[in-house]
Amino acid sequence: LAAAALTVLDQITKLLAVRYLKGQANRILIPGV
């Protein structure tokens, strides 16, 4: 259950990356870092 919950968290971040980052310019969170 714990491994599944952490895996779901990982997959959510990847879905967000596909949706909001694919084909887009880099999103700078901390300039130069």
Full PDB file with SEQRES, HELIX, SHEET, SSBOND, CRYST1, ORIGX, SCALE, CONECT and MASTER records, all heavy atoms in Angstrom:
SEQRES   1 A   33  LEU ALA ALA ALA ALA LEU THR VAL LEU ASP GLN ILE THR          
SEQRES   2 A   33  LYS LEU LEU ALA VAL ARG TYR LEU LYS GLY GLN ALA ASN          
SEQRES   3 A   33  ARG ILE LEU ILE PRO GLY VAL                                  
HELIX    1 AA1 ALA A    2  LEU A   21  1                                  20    
CRYST1    1.000    1.000    1.000  90.00  90.00  90.00 P 1           1          
ORIGX1      1.000000  0.000000  0.000000        0.00000                         
ORIGX2      0.000000  1.000000  0.000000        0.00000                         
ORIGX3      0.000000  0.000000  1.000000        0.00000                         
SCALE1      1.000000  0.000000  0.000000        0.00000                         
SCALE2      0.000000  1.000000  0.000000        0.00000                         
SCALE3      0.000000  0.000000  1.000000        0.00000                         
ATOM      1  N   LEU A   1       0.832  -1.206   0.000  1.00  0.00           N  
ATOM      2  CA  LEU A   1       0.000   0.000   0.000  1.00  0.00           C  
ATOM      3  C   LEU A   1       0.868   1.257   0.000  1.00  0.00           C  
ATOM      4  O   LEU A   1       0.626   2.202  -0.764  1.00  0.00           O  
ATOM      5  CB  LEU A   1      -0.942  -0.004   1.203  1.00  0.00           C  
ATOM      6  CG  LEU A   1      -1.903   1.172   1.298  1.00  0.00           C  
ATOM      7  CD1 LEU A   1      -2.853   1.178   0.109  1.00  0.00           C  
ATOM      8  CD2 LEU A   1      -2.693   1.100   2.594  1.00  0.00           C  
ATOM      9  N   ALA A   2       1.897   1.285   0.842  1.00  0.00           N  
ATOM     10  CA  ALA A   2       2.794   2.445   0.904  1.00  0.00           C  
ATOM     11  C   ALA A   2       3.542   2.612  -0.417  1.00  0.00           C  
ATOM     12  O   ALA A   2       3.656   3.736  -0.936  1.00  0.00           O  
ATOM     13  CB  ALA A   2       3.769   2.297   2.068  1.00  0.00           C  
ATOM     14  N   ALA A   3       4.034   1.521  -0.967  1.00  0.00           N  
ATOM     15  CA  ALA A   3       4.741   1.593  -2.248  1.00  0.00           C  
ATOM     16  C   ALA A   3       3.787   2.068  -3.348  1.00  0.00           C  
ATOM     17  O   ALA A   3       4.175   2.880  -4.199  1.00  0.00           O  
ATOM     18  CB  ALA A   3       5.352   0.236  -2.600  1.00  0.00           C  
ATOM     19  N   ALA A   4       2.550   1.592  -3.317  1.00  0.00           N  
ATOM     20  CA  ALA A   4       1.560   2.016  -4.315  1.00  0.00           C  
ATOM     21  C   ALA A   4       1.257   3.509  -4.180  1.00  0.00           C  
ATOM     22  O   ALA A   4       1.163   4.222  -5.195  1.00  0.00           O  
ATOM     23  CB  ALA A   4       0.285   1.196  -4.176  1.00  0.00           C  
ATOM     24  N   ALA A   5       1.126   3.992  -2.957  1.00  0.00           N  
ATOM     25  CA  ALA A   5       0.844   5.417  -2.746  1.00  0.00           C  
ATOM     26  C   ALA A   5       1.985   6.283  -3.267  1.00  0.00           C  
ATOM     27  O   ALA A   5       1.752   7.304  -3.946  1.00  0.00           O  
ATOM     28  CB  ALA A   5       0.603   5.685  -1.259  1.00  0.00           C  
ATOM     29  N   LEU A   6       3.213   5.893  -2.998  1.00  0.00           N  
ATOM     30  CA  LEU A   6       4.365   6.645  -3.504  1.00  0.00           C  
ATOM     31  C   LEU A   6       4.443   6.567  -5.029  1.00  0.00           C  
ATOM     32  O   LEU A   6       4.801   7.546  -5.692  1.00  0.00           O  
ATOM     33  CB  LEU A   6       5.661   6.119  -2.877  1.00  0.00           C  
ATOM     34  CG  LEU A   6       5.848   6.428  -1.389  1.00  0.00           C  
ATOM     35  CD1 LEU A   6       7.049   5.663  -0.832  1.00  0.00           C  
ATOM     36  CD2 LEU A   6       6.003   7.919  -1.160  1.00  0.00           C  
ATOM     37  N   THR A   7       4.099   5.425  -5.577  1.00  0.00           N  
ATOM     38  CA  THR A   7       4.095   5.264  -7.036  1.00  0.00           C  
ATOM     39  C   THR A   7       3.037   6.168  -7.662  1.00  0.00           C  
ATOM     40  O   THR A   7       3.291   6.802  -8.697  1.00  0.00           O  
ATOM     41  CB  THR A   7       3.846   3.790  -7.426  1.00  0.00           C  
ATOM     42  OG1 THR A   7       4.861   2.978  -6.830  1.00  0.00           O  
ATOM     43  CG2 THR A   7       3.853   3.593  -8.932  1.00  0.00           C  
ATOM     44  N   VAL A   8       1.877   6.244  -7.051  1.00  0.00           N  
ATOM     45  CA  VAL A   8       0.817   7.126  -7.558  1.00  0.00           C  
ATOM     46  C   VAL A   8       1.297   8.577  -7.540  1.00  0.00           C  
ATOM     47  O   VAL A   8       1.082   9.328  -8.506  1.00  0.00           O  
ATOM     48  CB  VAL A   8      -0.492   6.949  -6.744  1.00  0.00           C  
ATOM     49  CG1 VAL A   8      -1.484   8.063  -7.039  1.00  0.00           C  
ATOM     50  CG2 VAL A   8      -1.111   5.590  -7.037  1.00  0.00           C  
ATOM     51  N   LEU A   9       1.966   8.987  -6.474  1.00  0.00           N  
ATOM     52  CA  LEU A   9       2.502  10.343  -6.401  1.00  0.00           C  
ATOM     53  C   LEU A   9       3.474  10.602  -7.558  1.00  0.00           C  
ATOM     54  O   LEU A   9       3.404  11.645  -8.226  1.00  0.00           O  
ATOM     55  CB  LEU A   9       3.199  10.572  -5.055  1.00  0.00           C  
ATOM     56  CG  LEU A   9       3.866  11.929  -4.874  1.00  0.00           C  
ATOM     57  CD1 LEU A   9       2.840  13.054  -4.933  1.00  0.00           C  
ATOM     58  CD2 LEU A   9       4.617  11.968  -3.552  1.00  0.00           C  
ATOM     59  N   ASP A  10       4.357   9.646  -7.816  1.00  0.00           N  
ATOM     60  CA  ASP A  10       5.286   9.770  -8.939  1.00  0.00           C  
ATOM     61  C   ASP A  10       4.526   9.902 -10.246  1.00  0.00           C  
ATOM     62  O   ASP A  10       4.841  10.769 -11.074  1.00  0.00           O  
ATOM     63  CB  ASP A  10       6.210   8.549  -8.989  1.00  0.00           C  
ATOM     64  CG  ASP A  10       6.970   8.463 -10.303  1.00  0.00           C  
ATOM     65  OD1 ASP A  10       7.842   9.326 -10.532  1.00  0.00           O  
ATOM     66  OD2 ASP A  10       6.680   7.550 -11.103  1.00  0.00           O  
ATOM     67  N   GLN A  11       3.530   9.074 -10.465  1.00  0.00           N  
ATOM     68  CA  GLN A  11       2.780   9.092 -11.719  1.00  0.00           C  
ATOM     69  C   GLN A  11       1.994  10.396 -11.897  1.00  0.00           C  
ATOM     70  O   GLN A  11       1.888  10.904 -13.007  1.00  0.00           O  
ATOM     71  CB  GLN A  11       1.848   7.875 -11.806  1.00  0.00           C  
ATOM     72  CG  GLN A  11       2.582   6.564 -12.012  1.00  0.00           C  
ATOM     73  CD  GLN A  11       3.340   6.529 -13.312  1.00  0.00           C  
ATOM     74  OE1 GLN A  11       2.780   6.681 -14.398  1.00  0.00           O  
ATOM     75  NE2 GLN A  11       4.659   6.343 -13.230  1.00  0.00           N  
ATOM     76  N   ILE A  12       1.493  10.950 -10.814  1.00  0.00           N  
ATOM     77  CA  ILE A  12       0.797  12.235 -10.892  1.00  0.00           C  
ATOM     78  C   ILE A  12       1.754  13.328 -11.351  1.00  0.00           C  
ATOM     79  O   ILE A  12       1.426  14.138 -12.218  1.00  0.00           O  
ATOM     80  CB  ILE A  12       0.140  12.591  -9.534  1.00  0.00           C  
ATOM     81  CG1 ILE A  12      -1.057  11.673  -9.283  1.00  0.00           C  
ATOM     82  CG2 ILE A  12      -0.288  14.060  -9.500  1.00  0.00           C  
ATOM     83  CD1 ILE A  12      -1.632  11.773  -7.872  1.00  0.00           C  
ATOM     84  N   THR A  13       2.969  13.329 -10.782  1.00  0.00           N  
ATOM     85  CA  THR A  13       3.943  14.353 -11.195  1.00  0.00           C  
ATOM     86  C   THR A  13       4.296  14.198 -12.669  1.00  0.00           C  
ATOM     87  O   THR A  13       4.480  15.194 -13.375  1.00  0.00           O  
ATOM     88  CB  THR A  13       5.225  14.315 -10.329  1.00  0.00           C  
ATOM     89  OG1 THR A  13       5.901  13.072 -10.510  1.00  0.00           O  
ATOM     90  CG2 THR A  13       4.916  14.556  -8.862  1.00  0.00           C  
ATOM     91  N   LYS A  14       4.374  12.966 -13.140  1.00  0.00           N  
ATOM     92  CA  LYS A  14       4.701  12.738 -14.550  1.00  0.00           C  
ATOM     93  C   LYS A  14       3.546  13.150 -15.459  1.00  0.00           C  
ATOM     94  O   LYS A  14       3.760  13.718 -16.538  1.00  0.00           O  
ATOM     95  CB  LYS A  14       5.082  11.282 -14.774  1.00  0.00           C  
ATOM     96  CG  LYS A  14       6.433  10.926 -14.160  1.00  0.00           C  
ATOM     97  CD  LYS A  14       6.703   9.446 -14.258  1.00  0.00           C  
ATOM     98  CE  LYS A  14       8.042   9.087 -13.643  1.00  0.00           C  
ATOM     99  NZ  LYS A  14       8.224   7.637 -13.571  1.00  0.00           N  
ATOM    100  N   LEU A  15       2.314  12.895 -15.026  1.00  0.00           N  
ATOM    101  CA  LEU A  15       1.154  13.343 -15.805  1.00  0.00           C  
ATOM    102  C   LEU A  15       1.137  14.867 -15.902  1.00  0.00           C  
ATOM    103  O   LEU A  15       0.848  15.430 -16.965  1.00  0.00           O  
ATOM    104  CB  LEU A  15      -0.146  12.835 -15.177  1.00  0.00           C  
ATOM    105  CG  LEU A  15      -0.446  11.352 -15.342  1.00  0.00           C  
ATOM    106  CD1 LEU A  15      -1.664  10.955 -14.519  1.00  0.00           C  
ATOM    107  CD2 LEU A  15      -0.663  11.011 -16.812  1.00  0.00           C  
ATOM    108  N   LEU A  16       1.450  15.537 -14.808  1.00  0.00           N  
ATOM    109  CA  LEU A  16       1.521  16.995 -14.808  1.00  0.00           C  
ATOM    110  C   LEU A  16       2.635  17.487 -15.734  1.00  0.00           C  
ATOM    111  O   LEU A  16       2.464  18.478 -16.451  1.00  0.00           O  
ATOM    112  CB  LEU A  16       1.721  17.524 -13.387  1.00  0.00           C  
ATOM    113  CG  LEU A  16       0.534  17.339 -12.441  1.00  0.00           C  
ATOM    114  CD1 LEU A  16       0.917  17.693 -11.010  1.00  0.00           C  
ATOM    115  CD2 LEU A  16      -0.673  18.151 -12.909  1.00  0.00           C  
ATOM    116  N   ALA A  17       3.759  16.781 -15.717  1.00  0.00           N  
ATOM    117  CA  ALA A  17       4.872  17.152 -16.597  1.00  0.00           C  
ATOM    118  C   ALA A  17       4.459  17.019 -18.059  1.00  0.00           C  
ATOM    119  O   ALA A  17       4.736  17.911 -18.873  1.00  0.00           O  
ATOM    120  CB  ALA A  17       6.096  16.292 -16.304  1.00  0.00           C  
ATOM    121  N   VAL A  18       3.796  15.937 -18.402  1.00  0.00           N  
ATOM    122  CA  VAL A  18       3.348  15.740 -19.777  1.00  0.00           C  
ATOM    123  C   VAL A  18       2.359  16.840 -20.161  1.00  0.00           C  
ATOM    124  O   VAL A  18       2.463  17.442 -21.229  1.00  0.00           O  
ATOM    125  CB  VAL A  18       2.715  14.337 -19.961  1.00  0.00           C  
ATOM    126  CG1 VAL A  18       2.021  14.216 -21.310  1.00  0.00           C  
ATOM    127  CG2 VAL A  18       3.766  13.244 -19.806  1.00  0.00           C  
ATOM    128  N   ARG A  19       1.443  17.126 -19.284  1.00  0.00           N  
ATOM    129  CA  ARG A  19       0.392  18.102 -19.588  1.00  0.00           C  
ATOM    130  C   ARG A  19       0.919  19.535 -19.696  1.00  0.00           C  
ATOM    131  O   ARG A  19       0.522  20.277 -20.589  1.00  0.00           O  
ATOM    132  CB  ARG A  19      -0.692  18.025 -18.529  1.00  0.00           C  
ATOM    133  CG  ARG A  19      -1.848  18.949 -18.821  1.00  0.00           C  
ATOM    134  CD  ARG A  19      -3.002  18.692 -17.952  1.00  0.00           C  
ATOM    135  NE  ARG A  19      -4.116  19.519 -18.388  1.00  0.00           N  
ATOM    136  CZ  ARG A  19      -5.270  19.513 -17.837  1.00  0.00           C  
ATOM    137  NH1 ARG A  19      -5.504  18.712 -16.818  1.00  0.00           N  
ATOM    138  NH2 ARG A  19      -6.234  20.284 -18.266  1.00  0.00           N  
ATOM    139  N   TYR A  20       1.797  19.920 -18.775  1.00  0.00           N  
ATOM    140  CA  TYR A  20       2.190  21.324 -18.698  1.00  0.00           C  
ATOM    141  C   TYR A  20       3.607  21.640 -19.197  1.00  0.00           C  
ATOM    142  O   TYR A  20       3.933  22.810 -19.362  1.00  0.00           O  
ATOM    143  CB  TYR A  20       2.052  21.824 -17.257  1.00  0.00           C  
ATOM    144  CG  TYR A  20       0.621  21.825 -16.797  1.00  0.00           C  
ATOM    145  CD1 TYR A  20       0.169  20.891 -15.875  1.00  0.00           C  
ATOM    146  CD2 TYR A  20      -0.294  22.749 -17.302  1.00  0.00           C  
ATOM    147  CE1 TYR A  20      -1.151  20.870 -15.454  1.00  0.00           C  
ATOM    148  CE2 TYR A  20      -1.620  22.740 -16.887  1.00  0.00           C  
ATOM    149  CZ  TYR A  20      -2.042  21.800 -15.968  1.00  0.00           C  
ATOM    150  OH  TYR A  20      -3.351  21.793 -15.565  1.00  0.00           O  
ATOM    151  N   LEU A  21       4.421  20.617 -19.444  1.00  0.00           N  
ATOM    152  CA  LEU A  21       5.797  20.886 -19.862  1.00  0.00           C  
ATOM    153  C   LEU A  21       6.115  20.407 -21.271  1.00  0.00           C  
ATOM    154  O   LEU A  21       6.980  20.975 -21.929  1.00  0.00           O  
ATOM    155  CB  LEU A  21       6.790  20.230 -18.884  1.00  0.00           C  
ATOM    156  CG  LEU A  21       6.745  20.718 -17.442  1.00  0.00           C  
ATOM    157  CD1 LEU A  21       7.675  19.879 -16.572  1.00  0.00           C  
ATOM    158  CD2 LEU A  21       7.102  22.192 -17.352  1.00  0.00           C  
ATOM    159  N   LYS A  22       5.455  19.357 -21.725  1.00  0.00           N  
ATOM    160  CA  LYS A  22       5.756  18.791 -23.043  1.00  0.00           C  
ATOM    161  C   LYS A  22       5.519  19.839 -24.128  1.00  0.00           C  
ATOM    162  O   LYS A  22       4.447  20.432 -24.213  1.00  0.00           O  
ATOM    163  CB  LYS A  22       4.905  17.549 -23.309  1.00  0.00           C  
ATOM    164  CG  LYS A  22       5.257  16.832 -24.585  1.00  0.00           C  
ATOM    165  CD  LYS A  22       4.478  15.551 -24.744  1.00  0.00           C  
ATOM    166  CE  LYS A  22       4.930  14.815 -25.990  1.00  0.00           C  
ATOM    167  NZ  LYS A  22       4.259  13.506 -26.100  1.00  0.00           N  
ATOM    168  N   GLY A  23       6.549  20.066 -24.937  1.00  0.00           N  
ATOM    169  CA  GLY A  23       6.438  21.022 -26.026  1.00  0.00           C  
ATOM    170  C   GLY A  23       6.511  22.479 -25.585  1.00  0.00           C  
ATOM    171  O   GLY A  23       6.311  23.376 -26.389  1.00  0.00           O  
ATOM    172  N   GLN A  24       6.797  22.703 -24.322  1.00  0.00           N  
ATOM    173  CA  GLN A  24       6.867  24.062 -23.778  1.00  0.00           C  
ATOM    174  C   GLN A  24       8.311  24.422 -23.448  1.00  0.00           C  
ATOM    175  O   GLN A  24       9.155  23.545 -23.293  1.00  0.00           O  
ATOM    176  CB  GLN A  24       6.017  24.168 -22.500  1.00  0.00           C  
ATOM    177  CG  GLN A  24       4.570  23.791 -22.668  1.00  0.00           C  
ATOM    178  CD  GLN A  24       3.821  24.743 -23.591  1.00  0.00           C  
ATOM    179  OE1 GLN A  24       3.986  25.959 -23.495  1.00  0.00           O  
ATOM    180  NE2 GLN A  24       3.048  24.176 -24.512  1.00  0.00           N  
ATOM    181  N   ALA A  25       8.558  25.700 -23.264  1.00  0.00           N  
ATOM    182  CA  ALA A  25       9.869  26.158 -22.810  1.00  0.00           C  
ATOM    183  C   ALA A  25      10.064  25.732 -21.362  1.00  0.00           C  
ATOM    184  O   ALA A  25       9.088  25.487 -20.632  1.00  0.00           O  
ATOM    185  CB  ALA A  25       9.950  27.690 -22.917  1.00  0.00           C  
ATOM    186  N   ASN A  26      11.312  25.624 -20.961  1.00  0.00           N  
ATOM    187  CA  ASN A  26      11.615  25.262 -19.567  1.00  0.00           C  
ATOM    188  C   ASN A  26      10.937  26.236 -18.614  1.00  0.00           C  
ATOM    189  O   ASN A  26      10.833  27.425 -18.897  1.00  0.00           O  
ATOM    190  CB  ASN A  26      13.120  25.303 -19.315  1.00  0.00           C  
ATOM    191  CG  ASN A  26      13.859  24.236 -20.067  1.00  0.00           C  
ATOM    192  OD1 ASN A  26      13.291  23.516 -20.875  1.00  0.00           O  
ATOM    193  ND2 ASN A  26      15.143  24.131 -19.813  1.00  0.00           N  
ATOM    194  N   ARG A  27      10.514  25.705 -17.480  1.00  0.00           N  
ATOM    195  CA  ARG A  27       9.965  26.555 -16.413  1.00  0.00           C  
ATOM    196  C   ARG A  27      11.062  26.743 -15.380  1.00  0.00           C  
ATOM    197  O   ARG A  27      11.465  25.785 -14.708  1.00  0.00           O  
ATOM    198  CB  ARG A  27       8.755  25.895 -15.761  1.00  0.00           C  
ATOM    199  CG  ARG A  27       7.678  25.519 -16.732  1.00  0.00           C  
ATOM    200  CD  ARG A  27       6.511  26.428 -16.638  1.00  0.00           C  
ATOM    201  NE  ARG A  27       5.589  26.116 -17.719  1.00  0.00           N  
ATOM    202  CZ  ARG A  27       4.315  25.968 -17.577  1.00  0.00           C  
ATOM    203  NH1 ARG A  27       3.765  26.106 -16.394  1.00  0.00           N  
ATOM    204  NH2 ARG A  27       3.548  25.716 -18.608  1.00  0.00           N  
ATOM    205  N   ILE A  28      11.545  27.940 -15.263  1.00  0.00           N  
ATOM    206  CA  ILE A  28      12.626  28.239 -14.328  1.00  0.00           C  
ATOM    207  C   ILE A  28      12.018  28.498 -12.954  1.00  0.00           C  
ATOM    208  O   ILE A  28      11.233  29.430 -12.781  1.00  0.00           O  
ATOM    209  CB  ILE A  28      13.456  29.444 -14.811  1.00  0.00           C  
ATOM    210  CG1 ILE A  28      14.070  29.104 -16.172  1.00  0.00           C  
ATOM    211  CG2 ILE A  28      14.517  29.811 -13.784  1.00  0.00           C  
ATOM    212  CD1 ILE A  28      14.722  30.275 -16.875  1.00  0.00           C  
ATOM    213  N   LEU A  29      12.378  27.658 -11.986  1.00  0.00           N  
ATOM    214  CA  LEU A  29      11.870  27.817 -10.628  1.00  0.00           C  
ATOM    215  C   LEU A  29      12.834  28.617  -9.767  1.00  0.00           C  
ATOM    216  O   LEU A  29      12.424  29.480  -9.001  1.00  0.00           O  
ATOM    217  CB  LEU A  29      11.583  26.458 -10.001  1.00  0.00           C  
ATOM    218  CG  LEU A  29      10.546  25.595 -10.722  1.00  0.00           C  
ATOM    219  CD1 LEU A  29      10.337  24.287  -9.993  1.00  0.00           C  
ATOM    220  CD2 LEU A  29       9.224  26.334 -10.868  1.00  0.00           C  
ATOM    221  N   ILE A  30      14.115  28.303  -9.877  1.00  0.00           N  
ATOM    222  CA  ILE A  30      15.174  29.049  -9.181  1.00  0.00           C  
ATOM    223  C   ILE A  30      16.212  29.378 -10.249  1.00  0.00           C  
ATOM    224  O   ILE A  30      16.935  28.482 -10.700  1.00  0.00           O  
ATOM    225  CB  ILE A  30      15.808  28.229  -8.035  1.00  0.00           C  
ATOM    226  CG1 ILE A  30      14.739  27.781  -7.036  1.00  0.00           C  
ATOM    227  CG2 ILE A  30      16.889  29.047  -7.325  1.00  0.00           C  
ATOM    228  CD1 ILE A  30      15.250  26.799  -5.991  1.00  0.00           C  
ATOM    229  N   PRO A  31      16.268  30.645 -10.677  1.00  0.00           N  
ATOM    230  CA  PRO A  31      17.163  31.006 -11.780  1.00  0.00           C  
ATOM    231  C   PRO A  31      18.602  30.545 -11.539  1.00  0.00           C  
ATOM    232  O   PRO A  31      19.179  30.752 -10.478  1.00  0.00           O  
ATOM    233  CB  PRO A  31      17.081  32.545 -11.815  1.00  0.00           C  
ATOM    234  CG  PRO A  31      15.748  32.861 -11.206  1.00  0.00           C  
ATOM    235  CD  PRO A  31      15.529  31.794 -10.156  1.00  0.00           C  
ATOM    236  N   GLY A  32      19.147  29.878 -12.557  1.00  0.00           N  
ATOM    237  CA  GLY A  32      20.514  29.395 -12.497  1.00  0.00           C  
ATOM    238  C   GLY A  32      20.717  28.180 -11.612  1.00  0.00           C  
ATOM    239  O   GLY A  32      21.837  27.710 -11.443  1.00  0.00           O  
ATOM    240  N   VAL A  33      19.620  27.642 -11.054  1.00  0.00           N  
ATOM    241  CA  VAL A  33      19.741  26.496 -10.148  1.00  0.00           C  
ATOM    242  C   VAL A  33      18.817  25.345 -10.528  1.00  0.00           C  
ATOM    243  O   VAL A  33      19.260  24.220 -10.706  1.00  0.00           O  
ATOM    244  CB  VAL A  33      19.472  26.905  -8.680  1.00  0.00           C  
ATOM    245  CG1 VAL A  33      19.543  25.703  -7.750  1.00  0.00           C  
ATOM    246  CG2 VAL A  33      20.424  27.989  -8.229  1.00  0.00           C  
TER     247      VAL A  33                                                      
MASTER        0    0    0    1    0    0    0    6  246    1    0    3          
END                                                                             
